[in-house]
Amino acid sequence: MRLTAVNSGADGTGGAGDGARDGTEGGTEAEGGAEAEGGAGGALTVRLPVELMRPKPVEAVPGGPGWHHSVKLDGWRVALAVTTRGVRIHSRSKRDVTRQFPELAEAAGQLGTGTVIDGEVVVWNEQEGRFDFEAVQSRGLAKRARRTPGAILVAFDVLAAPYTDLRSEPLSTRWPRLLSIAGQAGPEIQSVLATDDAARAREWMRDMRPQGVEGIVSKRWDSPYRPGEPRAAWRKVRSADTVDARLAGVTGPERRPWGAVVDLPDGRRAVTTPRLAPVAAAQLGGAVAGRLGEETEDDRLDVRWRPLRAATAEPLTVEVRVRTGRVPLVRYVRLRADV
C-alpha cells in the first residue's frame, strides 16, 4: 500500500532545504535548558501533551485552488514528540502510548530534539490487503508492550521543529518541513499520501476504500495549526457510512453490556441494536468498568440503562452505523479508544 506524499503544485517539495534543522540541532541542552516533563523549554517549544486539530465533517471534498488533500486512514491519531528525555507518543485524548509502540519511538530517534509531529498509527494486514484498525487497537490497549503486528506512523502535519514552534505558520511552510522530517526518520515513519487535486483525492477515496482508507482530510494551504480556530479548520469527508458518537451509557450488565446508549452528532440519543457480539461486549465492558451510575428507566428510549458518570474519566467514543429516519436505527461497530 503506497503511503508517501504525491508531488503536486504547492506541496512544497522543492523547499525540502527549508525543512532542514536550521543548524540548531547541534546545540547543547545547556544553551536552552532541558525541558521539564510536559513543559516547554530549550529545543522543545510546545507543552506536552499537545492539543491536536480535529477535522470538521463535511459532505464533499472542497474544490478550487488553495487546498491540500490527504487520505484519512483507519488507525490511532497520535502526536509524537522528541524531548530531551526521549521520544513521547500521546493519543488524541492525551494518553501516553509510547510503551505500546516502541518501534515508532526508535524510528524517531534520529530526529532533532523539539520535533513534534501529528499523524496516524496504522497496521497493514498483508493477508487481507487492508489497514487493520483492530490490530492497532489491540496493541494500543495492551498492558504489555509488543512489536507485532508492526505499526507505522503516517505523518500529516508538523507542530514544531527544534527551537521552532510552527503552529502559527501556514501549511505551505509546515508541509515541506514535514516531508524533510519524515525523510530523516526510520522507515516506520512515513508522510501521508497527499495532493492538491480535488478530483484525484475523490478517486482515492473511492478506489482505496477496500484497503481501509476512510476518506479525505482537506486543509487550506494558508491555514495555521490552531485547534478551535475557524480559519484553521480542517475538513473531513468520510467514505464509510459510519459516524463517531459519544457513549452515554450501556444496557445490560456492566461486564458484558447488551448494547450502547449513544449521543449522535445530530444531538439525538439512541440505543444500539442488535445485542453486542461477545468480543465487542467484553471490550466495552472493560472500558466502562467502575464508571457507571445507577440504572435508570428511560421512557423515551423504552429501555433501562446505566449512564456513564462524566466525572470519572474522559469521555468514550464509539463508532456506529446509522440508518437515517425519524427514529434512527443504530448498529454498534466498535469502541474508538484512541479519541
Protein backbone atom coordinates (compact mmCIF):
# COMPACT_ATOMS: atom_id res chain seq x y z
CA MET A 1 0.00 0.00 0.00
CA ARG A 2 1.52 3.33 -1.05
CA LEU A 3 1.62 5.87 1.78
CA THR A 4 4.07 8.50 0.67
CA ALA A 5 3.20 12.02 -0.46
CA VAL A 6 2.50 12.90 -4.07
CA ASN A 7 4.26 15.92 -5.56
CA SER A 8 1.62 18.29 -6.94
CA GLY A 9 1.99 22.01 -7.28
CA ALA A 10 2.14 23.69 -3.88
CA ASP A 11 3.12 20.65 -1.89
CA GLY A 12 6.36 22.43 -1.28
CA THR A 13 8.73 19.54 -2.00
CA GLY A 14 11.03 21.99 -3.71
CA GLY A 15 11.55 23.56 -0.30
CA ALA A 16 13.00 20.49 1.37
CA GLY A 17 16.06 22.52 2.22
CA ASP A 18 13.76 24.78 4.24
CA GLY A 19 12.82 21.65 6.17
CA ALA A 20 16.36 21.13 7.38
CA ARG A 21 17.02 21.72 11.02
CA ASP A 22 18.32 25.27 10.67
CA GLY A 23 21.68 24.24 12.12
CA THR A 24 20.17 24.35 15.60
CA GLU A 25 20.16 20.69 16.47
CA GLY A 26 23.88 20.68 17.05
CA GLY A 27 23.37 22.98 20.05
CA THR A 28 23.55 21.58 23.57
CA GLU A 29 20.70 21.34 26.01
CA ALA A 30 22.58 23.71 28.26
CA GLU A 31 22.06 26.51 25.75
CA GLY A 32 18.28 26.39 26.10
CA GLY A 33 17.85 24.36 29.25
CA ALA A 34 16.29 20.90 29.34
CA GLU A 35 12.50 20.97 29.19
CA ALA A 36 10.52 19.74 32.16
CA GLU A 37 8.30 16.71 31.55
CA GLY A 38 5.12 18.01 29.98
CA GLY A 39 6.51 21.52 29.71
CA ALA A 40 8.26 23.52 27.03
CA GLY A 41 11.82 24.73 27.14
CA GLY A 42 15.10 24.58 25.25
CA ALA A 43 14.67 22.87 21.89
CA LEU A 44 11.09 21.84 22.70
CA THR A 45 8.82 24.83 22.17
CA VAL A 46 5.39 23.29 22.82
CA ARG A 47 3.84 21.98 26.03
CA LEU A 48 3.08 18.25 26.13
CA PRO A 49 0.71 16.58 25.68
CA VAL A 50 -0.28 18.89 22.86
CA GLU A 51 -3.81 19.66 21.65
CA LEU A 52 -4.46 18.23 18.17
CA MET A 53 -6.59 19.59 15.35
CA ARG A 54 -10.00 17.95 14.91
CA PRO A 55 -11.42 17.91 11.38
CA LYS A 56 -14.90 19.27 10.75
CA PRO A 57 -17.15 16.74 8.95
CA VAL A 58 -18.36 17.93 5.55
CA GLU A 59 -20.30 16.28 2.73
CA ALA A 60 -17.82 16.71 -0.15
CA VAL A 61 -14.13 17.26 -0.85
CA PRO A 62 -13.71 21.03 -1.32
CA GLY A 63 -12.71 22.06 -4.83
CA GLY A 64 -10.86 25.05 -6.20
CA PRO A 65 -7.32 26.29 -5.57
CA GLY A 66 -5.64 26.66 -2.22
CA TRP A 67 -6.49 23.20 -0.79
CA HIS A 68 -4.27 20.31 0.31
CA HIS A 69 -5.97 16.89 0.40
CA SER A 70 -4.66 13.77 2.17
CA VAL A 71 -6.07 10.30 2.74
CA LYS A 72 -7.74 9.53 6.09
CA LEU A 73 -6.54 6.14 7.31
CA ASP A 74 -8.13 3.72 9.76
CA GLY A 75 -5.86 3.92 12.79
CA TRP A 76 -4.98 5.76 16.01
CA ARG A 77 -4.38 9.52 15.96
CA VAL A 78 -1.25 10.48 17.91
CA ALA A 79 1.29 13.22 18.47
CA LEU A 80 4.94 12.16 18.52
CA ALA A 81 7.42 14.45 20.28
CA VAL A 82 11.20 14.23 20.62
CA THR A 83 12.21 15.53 24.05
CA THR A 84 15.46 15.62 26.00
CA ARG A 85 14.15 12.60 27.91
CA GLY A 86 13.41 10.62 24.78
CA VAL A 87 10.51 10.22 22.37
CA ARG A 88 6.98 10.52 23.75
CA ILE A 89 3.82 9.45 21.94
CA HIS A 90 0.37 10.64 23.08
CA SER A 91 -3.06 9.73 21.75
CA ARG A 92 -5.54 12.42 20.76
CA SER A 93 -7.06 12.06 24.24
CA LYS A 94 -3.54 12.83 25.60
CA ARG A 95 -2.89 9.32 26.93
CA ASP A 96 0.77 8.28 26.83
CA VAL A 97 1.10 5.30 24.47
CA THR A 98 4.88 5.39 23.97
CA ARG A 99 5.35 1.97 25.57
CA GLN A 100 2.78 0.40 23.25
CA PHE A 101 4.63 1.42 20.06
CA PRO A 102 8.38 1.16 20.76
CA GLU A 103 9.33 0.83 17.08
CA LEU A 104 7.88 4.27 16.38
CA ALA A 105 9.87 5.82 19.20
CA GLU A 106 13.01 4.19 17.82
CA ALA A 107 12.25 5.42 14.29
CA ALA A 108 12.07 8.98 15.64
CA GLY A 109 15.35 8.64 17.50
CA GLN A 110 17.26 10.25 14.62
CA LEU A 111 15.09 13.39 14.69
CA GLY A 112 16.17 16.57 16.42
CA THR A 113 15.01 17.32 19.95
CA GLY A 114 11.98 19.57 19.80
CA THR A 115 10.36 17.87 16.80
CA VAL A 116 6.60 17.31 17.22
CA ILE A 117 4.56 15.63 14.50
CA ASP A 118 0.87 14.78 14.11
CA GLY A 119 -0.12 11.52 12.47
CA GLU A 120 -2.00 8.24 12.46
CA VAL A 121 -0.66 4.92 13.74
CA VAL A 122 -1.71 2.16 11.35
CA VAL A 123 -1.12 -1.55 10.83
CA TRP A 124 -1.19 -3.07 7.36
CA ASN A 125 -2.72 -6.54 7.19
CA GLU A 126 -0.92 -8.21 4.30
CA GLN A 127 -3.26 -11.19 4.22
CA GLU A 128 -6.42 -9.10 3.97
CA GLY A 129 -4.85 -6.33 1.89
CA ARG A 130 -6.14 -3.52 4.10
CA PHE A 131 -5.37 -1.39 7.15
CA ASP A 132 -6.34 -3.23 10.31
CA PHE A 133 -7.83 -0.98 12.99
CA GLU A 134 -8.41 -3.87 15.39
CA ALA A 135 -4.70 -4.73 15.26
CA VAL A 136 -3.77 -1.13 16.13
CA GLN A 137 -6.28 -1.04 18.96
CA SER A 138 -5.10 -4.39 20.29
CA ARG A 139 -1.57 -3.05 20.58
CA GLY A 140 -2.64 0.33 21.89
CA LEU A 141 -4.68 -1.18 24.71
CA ALA A 142 -2.24 -3.94 25.58
CA LYS A 143 -0.82 -3.89 29.10
CA ARG A 144 2.48 -5.32 27.91
CA ALA A 145 4.50 -3.83 25.07
CA ARG A 146 4.84 -5.92 21.92
CA ARG A 147 6.10 -5.32 18.41
CA THR A 148 3.73 -7.45 16.38
CA PRO A 149 1.97 -6.75 14.20
CA GLY A 150 4.31 -3.97 13.11
CA ALA A 151 2.98 -0.41 13.25
CA ILE A 152 3.67 2.59 11.02
CA LEU A 153 3.16 6.26 11.84
CA VAL A 154 1.72 8.07 8.82
CA ALA A 155 2.56 11.73 9.47
CA PHE A 156 0.38 14.51 8.07
CA ASP A 157 1.49 17.64 9.91
CA VAL A 158 4.32 19.08 11.98
CA LEU A 159 3.75 21.31 15.00
CA ALA A 160 7.33 22.05 15.91
CA ALA A 161 10.93 21.65 14.79
CA PRO A 162 13.96 22.08 17.07
CA TYR A 163 13.70 25.51 18.78
CA THR A 164 10.79 26.46 16.49
CA ASP A 165 7.05 26.43 17.16
CA LEU A 166 5.49 26.01 13.71
CA ARG A 167 1.82 26.12 14.69
CA SER A 168 1.36 29.75 13.67
CA GLU A 169 2.98 29.11 10.28
CA PRO A 170 0.81 28.32 7.24
CA LEU A 171 0.57 24.76 5.98
CA SER A 172 2.61 25.83 2.93
CA THR A 173 5.54 26.22 5.35
CA ARG A 174 4.78 23.22 7.57
CA TRP A 175 4.30 20.68 4.77
CA PRO A 176 7.84 20.83 3.27
CA ARG A 177 9.24 20.73 6.80
CA LEU A 178 7.23 17.58 7.46
CA LEU A 179 8.50 15.91 4.26
CA SER A 180 12.06 16.65 5.29
CA ILE A 181 11.49 15.31 8.80
CA ALA A 182 9.86 12.11 7.52
CA GLY A 183 12.83 11.61 5.20
CA GLN A 184 15.20 11.72 8.17
CA ALA A 185 13.21 9.26 10.29
CA GLY A 186 13.26 5.48 10.22
CA PRO A 187 11.03 3.58 7.76
CA GLU A 188 8.29 3.20 10.37
CA ILE A 189 7.52 6.92 9.96
CA GLN A 190 6.16 7.99 6.57
CA SER A 191 4.44 11.06 5.17
CA VAL A 192 0.81 10.74 4.14
CA LEU A 193 -0.41 10.33 0.58
CA ALA A 194 -1.50 13.86 -0.43
CA THR A 195 -2.34 16.02 -3.43
CA ASP A 196 -3.60 19.47 -4.48
CA ASP A 197 -6.02 17.92 -6.97
CA ALA A 198 -9.54 17.52 -5.55
CA ALA A 199 -10.53 15.17 -8.39
CA ARG A 200 -7.62 12.87 -7.62
CA ALA A 201 -8.49 12.96 -3.92
CA ARG A 202 -12.06 11.86 -4.74
CA GLU A 203 -10.66 9.00 -6.82
CA TRP A 204 -8.51 7.88 -3.89
CA MET A 205 -11.49 7.98 -1.56
CA ARG A 206 -13.50 5.80 -3.96
CA ASP A 207 -10.80 3.39 -5.12
CA MET A 208 -8.95 2.87 -1.82
CA ARG A 209 -11.94 2.28 0.41
CA PRO A 210 -11.47 -1.52 0.26
CA GLN A 211 -7.92 -1.01 1.61
CA GLY A 212 -9.22 0.82 4.69
CA VAL A 213 -8.98 4.44 3.52
CA GLU A 214 -11.78 6.13 5.46
CA GLY A 215 -11.97 9.33 3.48
CA ILE A 216 -10.15 12.59 2.75
CA VAL A 217 -8.92 15.37 5.05
CA SER A 218 -8.60 18.80 3.40
CA LYS A 219 -6.66 21.81 4.71
CA ARG A 220 -6.11 25.30 3.38
CA TRP A 221 -2.52 25.95 2.35
CA ASP A 222 -2.66 29.30 4.16
CA SER A 223 -4.04 27.87 7.43
CA PRO A 224 -2.11 27.74 10.73
CA TYR A 225 -2.26 24.80 13.15
CA ARG A 226 -4.71 26.26 15.67
CA PRO A 227 -7.24 23.85 17.23
CA GLY A 228 -10.61 25.55 17.64
CA GLU A 229 -9.82 28.42 15.26
CA PRO A 230 -12.32 28.56 12.35
CA ARG A 231 -9.75 29.81 9.85
CA ALA A 232 -7.54 26.83 10.62
CA ALA A 233 -10.31 24.22 10.48
CA TRP A 234 -9.66 21.00 8.61
CA ARG A 235 -12.45 19.38 6.57
CA LYS A 236 -13.09 15.64 6.67
CA VAL A 237 -15.14 13.69 4.13
CA ARG A 238 -15.84 10.15 5.18
CA SER A 239 -16.32 7.47 2.55
CA ALA A 240 -17.62 4.93 5.06
CA ASP A 241 -21.23 5.00 6.25
CA THR A 242 -20.28 5.26 9.92
CA VAL A 243 -20.07 8.13 12.42
CA ASP A 244 -18.41 8.69 15.78
CA ALA A 245 -20.86 9.01 18.68
CA ARG A 246 -20.38 9.85 22.36
CA LEU A 247 -21.04 6.94 24.70
CA ALA A 248 -23.73 7.94 27.21
CA GLY A 249 -24.09 4.55 28.92
CA VAL A 250 -24.90 0.87 28.41
CA THR A 251 -27.78 -1.54 28.68
CA GLY A 252 -27.46 -4.85 30.46
CA PRO A 253 -24.68 -5.98 32.84
CA GLU A 254 -21.54 -3.91 33.31
CA ARG A 255 -19.07 -6.68 32.43
CA ARG A 256 -20.88 -7.77 29.25
CA PRO A 257 -23.25 -5.00 28.11
CA TRP A 258 -26.09 -5.86 25.74
CA GLY A 259 -25.94 -2.53 23.95
CA ALA A 260 -24.62 1.02 23.99
CA VAL A 261 -26.58 4.20 24.59
CA VAL A 262 -25.05 6.86 22.37
CA ASP A 263 -25.40 10.56 21.63
CA LEU A 264 -25.28 11.01 17.85
CA PRO A 265 -23.61 14.00 16.15
CA ASP A 266 -27.03 15.47 15.31
CA GLY A 267 -27.98 15.59 19.01
CA ARG A 268 -30.26 12.55 19.09
CA ARG A 269 -29.79 9.81 21.68
CA ALA A 270 -30.22 6.18 20.64
CA VAL A 271 -29.64 2.59 21.74
CA THR A 272 -27.60 0.30 19.52
CA THR A 273 -29.13 -2.84 18.09
CA PRO A 274 -28.90 -5.85 17.86
CA ARG A 275 -27.28 -7.21 21.04
CA LEU A 276 -23.49 -6.82 21.09
CA ALA A 277 -21.32 -9.72 19.98
CA PRO A 278 -19.31 -11.36 22.84
CA VAL A 279 -15.97 -9.79 21.88
CA ALA A 280 -17.44 -6.30 21.48
CA ALA A 281 -19.37 -6.67 24.74
CA ALA A 282 -16.25 -7.71 26.65
CA GLN A 283 -14.24 -4.78 25.25
CA LEU A 284 -16.96 -2.25 26.02
CA GLY A 285 -17.45 -3.74 29.48
CA GLY A 286 -13.77 -3.31 30.25
CA ALA A 287 -13.89 0.33 29.14
CA VAL A 288 -16.87 1.23 31.38
CA ALA A 289 -15.89 -0.87 34.41
CA GLY A 290 -16.30 1.19 37.59
CA ARG A 291 -17.61 4.20 35.66
CA LEU A 292 -21.36 3.54 35.57
CA GLY A 293 -24.09 5.16 37.62
CA GLU A 294 -27.32 3.64 38.90
CA GLU A 295 -29.68 2.01 36.45
CA THR A 296 -32.43 4.30 35.19
CA GLU A 297 -35.61 3.70 33.22
CA ASP A 298 -35.88 5.81 30.10
CA ASP A 299 -39.42 6.09 28.73
CA ARG A 300 -38.29 7.84 25.56
CA LEU A 301 -35.77 5.14 24.68
CA ASP A 302 -38.05 2.45 26.12
CA VAL A 303 -35.14 0.77 27.89
CA ARG A 304 -33.42 0.55 31.26
CA TRP A 305 -29.77 1.61 31.14
CA ARG A 306 -26.84 2.73 33.27
CA PRO A 307 -25.30 6.13 32.45
CA LEU A 308 -21.58 6.74 32.22
CA ARG A 309 -20.54 9.03 35.07
CA ALA A 310 -18.96 12.04 33.36
CA ALA A 311 -16.72 12.91 36.30
CA THR A 312 -14.94 9.54 36.40
CA ALA A 313 -12.68 9.98 33.38
CA GLU A 314 -12.50 11.35 29.86
CA PRO A 315 -15.47 10.66 27.53
CA LEU A 316 -15.62 7.49 25.46
CA THR A 317 -16.33 7.44 21.73
CA VAL A 318 -17.88 4.59 19.76
CA GLU A 319 -18.20 4.17 16.02
CA VAL A 320 -21.72 3.36 14.88
CA ARG A 321 -23.57 2.79 11.63
CA VAL A 322 -26.78 4.80 11.37
CA ARG A 323 -29.80 4.19 9.17
CA THR A 324 -31.42 7.58 8.84
CA GLY A 325 -35.05 8.32 9.67
CA ARG A 326 -37.20 9.91 12.34
CA VAL A 327 -36.19 7.10 14.71
CA PRO A 328 -32.57 6.19 13.88
CA LEU A 329 -31.53 2.54 13.69
CA VAL A 330 -28.05 2.45 15.17
CA ARG A 331 -25.69 -0.50 14.87
CA TYR A 332 -22.61 -0.71 17.10
CA VAL A 333 -19.32 -1.04 15.15
CA ARG A 334 -16.53 -0.63 17.70
CA LEU A 335 -15.08 1.34 20.57
CA ARG A 336 -12.83 4.19 19.49
CA ALA A 337 -10.33 4.02 22.31
CA ASP A 338 -7.93 6.45 20.61
CA VAL A 339 -10.13 9.54 20.85
